[in-house]
Amino acid sequence: MHWTWDENKNRSNLRKHSLSFETAALVFADPLMLQRPDPHSEEERWLTMGLVGNVVVVVSHTSPDLEAGAEPGMGRIISARKATSHERRSYEEEEF
């Protein structure tokens, strides 16, 4: 799986959340990651929650299969942040 992103958005995300998209992309290697559609988006987006190191993170992204004009298996990361305490509990209980 390959991920792309807007580099300006990546820098902004790093300043705001202290999490780069390069690091956030590691969430997709978590065998216990949880995914669901993002109900707050106008476009087809997904939220993925999982461990990066020992930190639970939430990544907003497009579906690799649905990204218009993208190569197969390539998606776009939109934002990433550390999970809230409520989200961490959901991850631990597998109820995202």
PDB file of N, CA and C in Angstrom:
ATOM      1  N   MET A   1       0.851  -1.174   0.000  1.00  0.00           N
ATOM      2  CA  MET A   1       0.000   0.000   0.000  1.00  0.00           C
ATOM      3  C   MET A   1       0.897   1.238   0.000  1.00  0.00           C
ATOM      4  N   HIS A   2       0.618   2.159  -0.889  1.00  0.00           N
ATOM      5  CA  HIS A   2       1.392   3.397  -0.984  1.00  0.00           C
ATOM      6  C   HIS A   2       0.478   4.571  -0.647  1.00  0.00           C
ATOM      7  N   TRP A   3       1.057   5.575   0.003  1.00  0.00           N
ATOM      8  CA  TRP A   3       0.282   6.748   0.424  1.00  0.00           C
ATOM      9  C   TRP A   3       0.916   8.016  -0.109  1.00  0.00           C
ATOM     10  N   THR A   4       0.070   8.954  -0.505  1.00  0.00           N
ATOM     11  CA  THR A   4       0.506  10.278  -0.932  1.00  0.00           C
ATOM     12  C   THR A   4      -0.130  11.294  -0.002  1.00  0.00           C
ATOM     13  N   TRP A   5       0.322  12.538  -0.099  1.00  0.00           N
ATOM     14  CA  TRP A   5      -0.256  13.619   0.689  1.00  0.00           C
ATOM     15  C   TRP A   5       0.253  14.937   0.146  1.00  0.00           C
ATOM     16  N   ASP A   6      -0.427  15.972   0.537  1.00  0.00           N
ATOM     17  CA  ASP A   6      -0.024  17.337   0.214  1.00  0.00           C
ATOM     18  C   ASP A   6       1.071  17.726   1.203  1.00  0.00           C
ATOM     19  N   GLU A   7       2.227  18.104   0.702  1.00  0.00           N
ATOM     20  CA  GLU A   7       3.356  18.407   1.584  1.00  0.00           C
ATOM     21  C   GLU A   7       3.093  19.623   2.474  1.00  0.00           C
ATOM     22  N   ASN A   8       2.368  20.627   1.992  1.00  0.00           N
ATOM     23  CA  ASN A   8       2.019  21.770   2.844  1.00  0.00           C
ATOM     24  C   ASN A   8       1.121  21.323   3.991  1.00  0.00           C
ATOM     25  N   LYS A   9       0.166  20.447   3.695  1.00  0.00           N
ATOM     26  CA  LYS A   9      -0.728  19.917   4.728  1.00  0.00           C
ATOM     27  C   LYS A   9       0.065  19.068   5.725  1.00  0.00           C
ATOM     28  N   ASN A  10       1.046  18.332   5.242  1.00  0.00           N
ATOM     29  CA  ASN A  10       1.903  17.535   6.117  1.00  0.00           C
ATOM     30  C   ASN A  10       2.647  18.432   7.109  1.00  0.00           C
ATOM     31  N   ARG A  11       3.239  19.520   6.606  1.00  0.00           N
ATOM     32  CA  ARG A  11       3.950  20.445   7.498  1.00  0.00           C
ATOM     33  C   ARG A  11       2.998  21.075   8.510  1.00  0.00           C
ATOM     34  N   SER A  12       1.813  21.459   8.058  1.00  0.00           N
ATOM     35  CA  SER A  12       0.806  22.031   8.950  1.00  0.00           C
ATOM     36  C   SER A  12       0.388  21.016  10.014  1.00  0.00           C
ATOM     37  N   ASN A  13       0.179  19.780   9.603  1.00  0.00           N
ATOM     38  CA  ASN A  13      -0.218  18.725  10.536  1.00  0.00           C
ATOM     39  C   ASN A  13       0.882  18.474  11.567  1.00  0.00           C
ATOM     40  N   LEU A  14       2.130  18.492  11.120  1.00  0.00           N
ATOM     41  CA  LEU A  14       3.259  18.295  12.021  1.00  0.00           C
ATOM     42  C   LEU A  14       3.320  19.402  13.069  1.00  0.00           C
ATOM     43  N   ARG A  15       3.116  20.651  12.649  1.00  0.00           N
ATOM     44  CA  ARG A  15       3.105  21.770  13.597  1.00  0.00           C
ATOM     45  C   ARG A  15       1.940  21.653  14.578  1.00  0.00           C
ATOM     46  N   LYS A  16       0.772  21.336  14.070  1.00  0.00           N
ATOM     47  CA  LYS A  16      -0.440  21.313  14.898  1.00  0.00           C
ATOM     48  C   LYS A  16      -0.516  20.093  15.813  1.00  0.00           C
ATOM     49  N   HIS A  17      -0.134  18.913  15.300  1.00  0.00           N
ATOM     50  CA  HIS A  17      -0.331  17.669  16.046  1.00  0.00           C
ATOM     51  C   HIS A  17       0.965  16.938  16.397  1.00  0.00           C
ATOM     52  N   SER A  18       2.113  17.500  16.017  1.00  0.00           N
ATOM     53  CA  SER A  18       3.418  16.862  16.255  1.00  0.00           C
ATOM     54  C   SER A  18       3.465  15.448  15.685  1.00  0.00           C
ATOM     55  N   LEU A  19       2.833  15.266  14.518  1.00  0.00           N
ATOM     56  CA  LEU A  19       2.795  13.961  13.876  1.00  0.00           C
ATOM     57  C   LEU A  19       2.879  14.159  12.365  1.00  0.00           C
ATOM     58  N   SER A  20       3.944  13.641  11.768  1.00  0.00           N
ATOM     59  CA  SER A  20       4.087  13.757  10.313  1.00  0.00           C
ATOM     60  C   SER A  20       3.284  12.661   9.630  1.00  0.00           C
ATOM     61  N   PHE A  21       2.953  12.876   8.379  1.00  0.00           N
ATOM     62  CA  PHE A  21       2.228  11.865   7.618  1.00  0.00           C
ATOM     63  C   PHE A  21       3.112  10.637   7.368  1.00  0.00           C
ATOM     64  N   GLU A  22       4.428  10.843   7.247  1.00  0.00           N
ATOM     65  CA  GLU A  22       5.335   9.699   7.084  1.00  0.00           C
ATOM     66  C   GLU A  22       5.199   8.755   8.273  1.00  0.00           C
ATOM     67  N   THR A  23       5.194   9.329   9.470  1.00  0.00           N
ATOM     68  CA  THR A  23       5.047   8.520  10.678  1.00  0.00           C
ATOM     69  C   THR A  23       3.639   7.959  10.783  1.00  0.00           C
ATOM     70  N   ALA A  24       2.643   8.780  10.492  1.00  0.00           N
ATOM     71  CA  ALA A  24       1.245   8.343  10.586  1.00  0.00           C
ATOM     72  C   ALA A  24       0.955   7.164   9.664  1.00  0.00           C
ATOM     73  N   ALA A  25       1.620   7.094   8.521  1.00  0.00           N
ATOM     74  CA  ALA A  25       1.385   6.004   7.565  1.00  0.00           C
ATOM     75  C   ALA A  25       1.739   4.644   8.155  1.00  0.00           C
ATOM     76  N   LEU A  26       2.531   4.632   9.217  1.00  0.00           N
ATOM     77  CA  LEU A  26       2.882   3.369   9.871  1.00  0.00           C
ATOM     78  C   LEU A  26       1.673   2.705  10.521  1.00  0.00           C
ATOM     79  N   VAL A  27       0.590   3.463  10.736  1.00  0.00           N
ATOM     80  CA  VAL A  27      -0.620   2.891  11.333  1.00  0.00           C
ATOM     81  C   VAL A  27      -1.156   1.743  10.487  1.00  0.00           C
ATOM     82  N   PHE A  28      -0.931   1.789   9.187  1.00  0.00           N
ATOM     83  CA  PHE A  28      -1.466   0.764   8.297  1.00  0.00           C
ATOM     84  C   PHE A  28      -0.726  -0.569   8.432  1.00  0.00           C
ATOM     85  N   ALA A  29       0.382  -0.581   9.163  1.00  0.00           N
ATOM     86  CA  ALA A  29       1.109  -1.821   9.438  1.00  0.00           C
ATOM     87  C   ALA A  29       0.610  -2.498  10.715  1.00  0.00           C
ATOM     88  N   ASP A  30      -0.240  -1.829  11.471  1.00  0.00           N
ATOM     89  CA  ASP A  30      -0.773  -2.396  12.713  1.00  0.00           C
ATOM     90  C   ASP A  30      -1.795  -3.481  12.365  1.00  0.00           C
ATOM     91  N   PRO A  31      -1.527  -4.741  12.701  1.00  0.00           N
ATOM     92  CA  PRO A  31      -2.483  -5.802  12.368  1.00  0.00           C
ATOM     93  C   PRO A  31      -3.812  -5.662  13.111  1.00  0.00           C
ATOM     94  N   LEU A  32      -3.836  -4.852  14.161  1.00  0.00           N
ATOM     95  CA  LEU A  32      -5.062  -4.648  14.933  1.00  0.00           C
ATOM     96  C   LEU A  32      -5.731  -3.312  14.625  1.00  0.00           C
ATOM     97  N   MET A  33      -5.299  -2.639  13.546  1.00  0.00           N
ATOM     98  CA  MET A  33      -5.898  -1.342  13.201  1.00  0.00           C
ATOM     99  C   MET A  33      -7.401  -1.503  12.990  1.00  0.00           C
ATOM    100  N   LEU A  34      -8.114  -0.428  13.273  1.00  0.00           N
ATOM    101  CA  LEU A  34      -9.562  -0.394  13.086  1.00  0.00           C
ATOM    102  C   LEU A  34      -9.882   0.684  12.067  1.00  0.00           C
ATOM    103  N   GLN A  35     -10.841   0.417  11.186  1.00  0.00           N
ATOM    104  CA  GLN A  35     -11.214   1.383  10.153  1.00  0.00           C
ATOM    105  C   GLN A  35     -12.723   1.538  10.094  1.00  0.00           C
ATOM    106  N   ARG A  36     -13.123   2.759   9.728  1.00  0.00           N
ATOM    107  CA  ARG A  36     -14.543   3.023   9.484  1.00  0.00           C
ATOM    108  C   ARG A  36     -14.655   4.218   8.555  1.00  0.00           C
ATOM    109  N   PRO A  37     -15.790   4.327   7.855  1.00  0.00           N
ATOM    110  CA  PRO A  37     -16.005   5.516   7.021  1.00  0.00           C
ATOM    111  C   PRO A  37     -16.071   6.766   7.901  1.00  0.00           C
ATOM    112  N   ASP A  38     -15.607   7.887   7.386  1.00  0.00           N
ATOM    113  CA  ASP A  38     -15.681   9.167   8.095  1.00  0.00           C
ATOM    114  C   ASP A  38     -17.032   9.795   7.797  1.00  0.00           C
ATOM    115  N   PRO A  39     -17.933   9.844   8.782  1.00  0.00           N
ATOM    116  CA  PRO A  39     -19.282  10.362   8.534  1.00  0.00           C
ATOM    117  C   PRO A  39     -19.338  11.879   8.386  1.00  0.00           C
ATOM    118  N   HIS A  40     -18.250  12.572   8.669  1.00  0.00           N
ATOM    119  CA  HIS A  40     -18.251  14.036   8.659  1.00  0.00           C
ATOM    120  C   HIS A  40     -17.654  14.626   7.391  1.00  0.00           C
ATOM    121  N   SER A  41     -17.435  13.811   6.404  1.00  0.00           N
ATOM    122  CA  SER A  41     -16.767  14.296   5.200  1.00  0.00           C
ATOM    123  C   SER A  41     -17.706  14.314   4.007  1.00  0.00           C
ATOM    124  N   GLU A  42     -17.513  15.315   3.160  1.00  0.00           N
ATOM    125  CA  GLU A  42     -18.289  15.426   1.920  1.00  0.00           C
ATOM    126  C   GLU A  42     -17.800  14.418   0.875  1.00  0.00           C
ATOM    127  N   GLU A  43     -16.493  14.110   0.897  1.00  0.00           N
ATOM    128  CA  GLU A  43     -15.955  13.125  -0.036  1.00  0.00           C
ATOM    129  C   GLU A  43     -15.812  11.791   0.699  1.00  0.00           C
ATOM    130  N   GLU A  44     -15.572  10.738  -0.053  1.00  0.00           N
ATOM    131  CA  GLU A  44     -15.398   9.411   0.542  1.00  0.00           C
ATOM    132  C   GLU A  44     -14.065   9.372   1.280  1.00  0.00           C
ATOM    133  N   ARG A  45     -14.137   9.411   2.607  1.00  0.00           N
ATOM    134  CA  ARG A  45     -12.942   9.351   3.442  1.00  0.00           C
ATOM    135  C   ARG A  45     -13.118   8.251   4.476  1.00  0.00           C
ATOM    136  N   TRP A  46     -11.994   7.806   4.978  1.00  0.00           N
ATOM    137  CA  TRP A  46     -11.973   6.775   5.994  1.00  0.00           C
ATOM    138  C   TRP A  46     -11.145   7.248   7.179  1.00  0.00           C
ATOM    139  N   LEU A  47     -11.447   6.720   8.348  1.00  0.00           N
ATOM    140  CA  LEU A  47     -10.651   6.932   9.545  1.00  0.00           C
ATOM    141  C   LEU A  47     -10.038   5.593   9.923  1.00  0.00           C
ATOM    142  N   THR A  48      -8.753   5.602  10.164  1.00  0.00           N
ATOM    143  CA  THR A  48      -8.055   4.406  10.615  1.00  0.00           C
ATOM    144  C   THR A  48      -7.391   4.729  11.939  1.00  0.00           C
ATOM    145  N   MET A  49      -7.596   3.840  12.914  1.00  0.00           N
ATOM    146  CA  MET A  49      -6.992   4.015  14.229  1.00  0.00           C
ATOM    147  C   MET A  49      -6.119   2.796  14.513  1.00  0.00           C
ATOM    148  N   GLY A  50      -4.923   3.063  15.033  1.00  0.00           N
ATOM    149  CA  GLY A  50      -4.026   1.963  15.359  1.00  0.00           C
ATOM    150  C   GLY A  50      -2.775   2.471  16.042  1.00  0.00           C
ATOM    151  N   LEU A  51      -1.895   1.542  16.332  1.00  0.00           N
ATOM    152  CA  LEU A  51      -0.658   1.862  17.035  1.00  0.00           C
ATOM    153  C   LEU A  51       0.456   2.244  16.077  1.00  0.00           C
ATOM    154  N   VAL A  52       1.146   3.308  16.438  1.00  0.00           N
ATOM    155  CA  VAL A  52       2.403   3.694  15.806  1.00  0.00           C
ATOM    156  C   VAL A  52       3.387   3.779  16.965  1.00  0.00           C
ATOM    157  N   GLY A  53       4.289   2.825  17.037  1.00  0.00           N
ATOM    158  CA  GLY A  53       5.131   2.716  18.224  1.00  0.00           C
ATOM    159  C   GLY A  53       4.243   2.297  19.379  1.00  0.00           C
ATOM    160  N   ASN A  54       4.203   3.115  20.417  1.00  0.00           N
ATOM    161  CA  ASN A  54       3.314   2.823  21.545  1.00  0.00           C
ATOM    162  C   ASN A  54       2.215   3.875  21.681  1.00  0.00           C
ATOM    163  N   VAL A  55       1.936   4.602  20.605  1.00  0.00           N
ATOM    164  CA  VAL A  55       0.929   5.666  20.609  1.00  0.00           C
ATOM    165  C   VAL A  55      -0.206   5.286  19.664  1.00  0.00           C
ATOM    166  N   VAL A  56      -1.450   5.432  20.144  1.00  0.00           N
ATOM    167  CA  VAL A  56      -2.610   5.199  19.284  1.00  0.00           C
ATOM    168  C   VAL A  56      -2.861   6.482  18.497  1.00  0.00           C
ATOM    169  N   VAL A  57      -2.948   6.356  17.179  1.00  0.00           N
ATOM    170  CA  VAL A  57      -3.183   7.511  16.315  1.00  0.00           C
ATOM    171  C   VAL A  57      -4.428   7.288  15.473  1.00  0.00           C
ATOM    172  N   VAL A  58      -5.005   8.398  15.005  1.00  0.00           N
ATOM    173  CA  VAL A  58      -6.157   8.377  14.108  1.00  0.00           C
ATOM    174  C   VAL A  58      -5.736   9.080  12.824  1.00  0.00           C
ATOM    175  N   VAL A  59      -5.935   8.410  11.697  1.00  0.00           N
ATOM    176  CA  VAL A  59      -5.544   8.945  10.395  1.00  0.00           C
ATOM    177  C   VAL A  59      -6.777   9.045   9.513  1.00  0.00           C
ATOM    178  N   SER A  60      -7.000  10.221   8.938  1.00  0.00           N
ATOM    179  CA  SER A  60      -8.061  10.425   7.956  1.00  0.00           C
ATOM    180  C   SER A  60      -7.434  10.281   6.576  1.00  0.00           C
ATOM    181  N   HIS A  61      -8.097   9.503   5.711  1.00  0.00           N
ATOM    182  CA  HIS A  61      -7.518   9.238   4.394  1.00  0.00           C
ATOM    183  C   HIS A  61      -8.600   8.847   3.406  1.00  0.00           C
ATOM    184  N   THR A  62      -8.239   8.881   2.140  1.00  0.00           N
ATOM    185  CA  THR A  62      -9.135   8.372   1.107  1.00  0.00           C
ATOM    186  C   THR A  62      -8.926   6.867   1.017  1.00  0.00           C
ATOM    187  N   SER A  63      -9.874   6.204   0.416  1.00  0.00           N
ATOM    188  CA  SER A  63      -9.741   4.769   0.194  1.00  0.00           C
ATOM    189  C   SER A  63      -8.790   4.539  -0.969  1.00  0.00           C
ATOM    190  N   PRO A  64      -7.799   3.681  -0.801  1.00  0.00           N
ATOM    191  CA  PRO A  64      -6.869   3.426  -1.905  1.00  0.00           C
ATOM    192  C   PRO A  64      -7.567   2.949  -3.173  1.00  0.00           C
ATOM    193  N   ASP A  65      -8.699   2.301  -3.032  1.00  0.00           N
ATOM    194  CA  ASP A  65      -9.404   1.785  -4.200  1.00  0.00           C
ATOM    195  C   ASP A  65     -10.262   2.833  -4.891  1.00  0.00           C
ATOM    196  N   LEU A  66     -10.527   3.957  -4.217  1.00  0.00           N
ATOM    197  CA  LEU A  66     -11.467   4.933  -4.756  1.00  0.00           C
ATOM    198  C   LEU A  66     -10.841   6.254  -5.175  1.00  0.00           C
ATOM    199  N   GLU A  67      -9.588   6.474  -4.877  1.00  0.00           N
ATOM    200  CA  GLU A  67      -8.931   7.750  -5.182  1.00  0.00           C
ATOM    201  C   GLU A  67      -8.866   7.951  -6.693  1.00  0.00           C
ATOM    202  N   ALA A  68      -9.554   8.953  -7.178  1.00  0.00           N
ATOM    203  CA  ALA A  68      -9.613   9.220  -8.623  1.00  0.00           C
ATOM    204  C   ALA A  68      -8.229   9.529  -9.175  1.00  0.00           C
ATOM    205  N   GLY A  69      -7.869   8.862 -10.223  1.00  0.00           N
ATOM    206  CA  GLY A  69      -6.607   9.126 -10.894  1.00  0.00           C
ATOM    207  C   GLY A  69      -5.384   8.543 -10.219  1.00  0.00           C
ATOM    208  N   ALA A  70      -5.571   7.875  -9.097  1.00  0.00           N
ATOM    209  CA  ALA A  70      -4.426   7.312  -8.386  1.00  0.00           C
ATOM    210  C   ALA A  70      -4.095   5.928  -8.933  1.00  0.00           C
ATOM    211  N   GLU A  71      -2.856   5.544  -8.725  1.00  0.00           N
ATOM    212  CA  GLU A  71      -2.456   4.184  -9.083  1.00  0.00           C
ATOM    213  C   GLU A  71      -3.195   3.215  -8.170  1.00  0.00           C
ATOM    214  N   PRO A  72      -3.456   1.996  -8.632  1.00  0.00           N
ATOM    215  CA  PRO A  72      -4.096   1.005  -7.761  1.00  0.00           C
ATOM    216  C   PRO A  72      -3.277   0.796  -6.492  1.00  0.00           C
ATOM    217  N   GLY A  73      -3.940   0.715  -5.355  1.00  0.00           N
ATOM    218  CA  GLY A  73      -3.253   0.521  -4.088  1.00  0.00           C
ATOM    219  C   GLY A  73      -2.633   1.777  -3.516  1.00  0.00           C
ATOM    220  N   MET A  74      -2.980   2.948  -4.047  1.00  0.00           N
ATOM    221  CA  MET A  74      -2.431   4.202  -3.548  1.00  0.00           C
ATOM    222  C   MET A  74      -3.561   5.074  -3.017  1.00  0.00           C
ATOM    223  N   GLY A  75      -3.413   5.563  -1.800  1.00  0.00           N
ATOM    224  CA  GLY A  75      -4.399   6.451  -1.197  1.00  0.00           C
ATOM    225  C   GLY A  75      -3.748   7.755  -0.781  1.00  0.00           C
ATOM    226  N   ARG A  76      -4.562   8.655  -0.239  1.00  0.00           N
ATOM    227  CA  ARG A  76      -4.073   9.982   0.151  1.00  0.00           C
ATOM    228  C   ARG A  76      -4.374  10.210   1.625  1.00  0.00           C
ATOM    229  N   ILE A  77      -3.358  10.529   2.403  1.00  0.00           N
ATOM    230  CA  ILE A  77      -3.537  10.882   3.812  1.00  0.00           C
ATOM    231  C   ILE A  77      -3.934  12.344   3.875  1.00  0.00           C
ATOM    232  N   ILE A  78      -4.979  12.616   4.653  1.00  0.00           N
ATOM    233  CA  ILE A  78      -5.532  13.962   4.755  1.00  0.00           C
ATOM    234  C   ILE A  78      -5.132  14.621   6.071  1.00  0.00           C
ATOM    235  N   SER A  79      -5.195  13.869   7.170  1.00  0.00           N
ATOM    236  CA  SER A  79      -4.785  14.399   8.468  1.00  0.00           C
ATOM    237  C   SER A  79      -4.453  13.240   9.397  1.00  0.00           C
ATOM    238  N   ALA A  80      -3.744  13.552  10.475  1.00  0.00           N
ATOM    239  CA  ALA A  80      -3.358  12.536  11.451  1.00  0.00           C
ATOM    240  C   ALA A  80      -3.143  13.214  12.796  1.00  0.00           C
ATOM    241  N   ARG A  81      -3.510  12.485  13.848  1.00  0.00           N
ATOM    242  CA  ARG A  81      -3.345  13.028  15.200  1.00  0.00           C
ATOM    243  C   ARG A  81      -3.300  11.882  16.198  1.00  0.00           C
ATOM    244  N   LYS A  82      -2.870  12.197  17.410  1.00  0.00           N
ATOM    245  CA  LYS A  82      -2.937  11.222  18.491  1.00  0.00           C
ATOM    246  C   LYS A  82      -4.401  11.028  18.867  1.00  0.00           C
ATOM    247  N   ALA A  83      -4.753   9.815  19.228  1.00  0.00           N
ATOM    248  CA  ALA A  83      -6.125   9.508  19.619  1.00  0.00           C
ATOM    249  C   ALA A  83      -6.448  10.150  20.963  1.00  0.00           C
ATOM    250  N   THR A  84      -7.713  10.513  21.144  1.00  0.00           N
ATOM    251  CA  THR A  84      -8.179  11.003  22.443  1.00  0.00           C
ATOM    252  C   THR A  84      -8.271   9.822  23.406  1.00  0.00           C
ATOM    253  N   SER A  85      -8.450  10.097  24.689  1.00  0.00           N
ATOM    254  CA  SER A  85      -8.575   9.008  25.666  1.00  0.00           C
ATOM    255  C   SER A  85      -9.778   8.123  25.347  1.00  0.00           C
ATOM    256  N   HIS A  86     -10.871   8.727  24.905  1.00  0.00           N
ATOM    257  CA  HIS A  86     -12.064   7.958  24.523  1.00  0.00           C
ATOM    258  C   HIS A  86     -11.761   7.055  23.322  1.00  0.00           C
ATOM    259  N   GLU A  87     -11.054   7.585  22.339  1.00  0.00           N
ATOM    260  CA  GLU A  87     -10.683   6.799  21.158  1.00  0.00           C
ATOM    261  C   GLU A  87      -9.720   5.671  21.521  1.00  0.00           C
ATOM    262  N   ARG A  88      -8.786   5.943  22.447  1.00  0.00           N
ATOM    263  CA  ARG A  88      -7.857   4.891  22.882  1.00  0.00           C
ATOM    264  C   ARG A  88      -8.614   3.733  23.522  1.00  0.00           C
ATOM    265  N   ARG A  89      -9.604   4.064  24.357  1.00  0.00           N
ATOM    266  CA  ARG A  89     -10.431   3.013  24.970  1.00  0.00           C
ATOM    267  C   ARG A  89     -11.156   2.212  23.897  1.00  0.00           C
ATOM    268  N   SER A  90     -11.703   2.913  22.902  1.00  0.00           N
ATOM    269  CA  SER A  90     -12.391   2.227  21.801  1.00  0.00           C
ATOM    270  C   SER A  90     -11.443   1.275  21.082  1.00  0.00           C
ATOM    271  N   TYR A  91     -10.219   1.721  20.861  1.00  0.00           N
ATOM    272  CA  TYR A  91      -9.225   0.869  20.201  1.00  0.00           C
ATOM    273  C   TYR A  91      -8.945  -0.370  21.051  1.00  0.00           C
ATOM    274  N   GLU A  92      -8.748  -0.158  22.340  1.00  0.00           N
ATOM    275  CA  GLU A  92      -8.454  -1.274  23.240  1.00  0.00           C
ATOM    276  C   GLU A  92      -9.613  -2.264  23.303  1.00  0.00           C
ATOM    277  N   GLU A  93     -10.837  -1.761  23.160  1.00  0.00           N
ATOM    278  CA  GLU A  93     -12.025  -2.621  23.207  1.00  0.00           C
ATOM    279  C   GLU A  93     -12.475  -3.052  21.811  1.00  0.00           C
ATOM    280  N   GLU A  94     -11.718  -2.648  20.787  1.00  0.00           N
ATOM    281  CA  GLU A  94     -12.015  -2.973  19.386  1.00  0.00           C
ATOM    282  C   GLU A  94     -13.412  -2.523  18.975  1.00  0.00           C
ATOM    283  N   GLU A  95     -13.775  -1.299  19.369  1.00  0.00           N
ATOM    284  CA  GLU A  95     -15.113  -0.766  19.091  1.00  0.00           C
ATOM    285  C   GLU A  95     -15.056   0.602  18.442  1.00  0.00           C
ATOM    286  N   PHE A  96     -14.218   0.788  17.483  1.00  0.00           N
ATOM    287  CA  PHE A  96     -14.042   2.091  16.835  1.00  0.00           C
ATOM    288  C   PHE A  96     -15.237   2.458  16.014  1.00  0.00           C
TER     289      PHE A  96
END
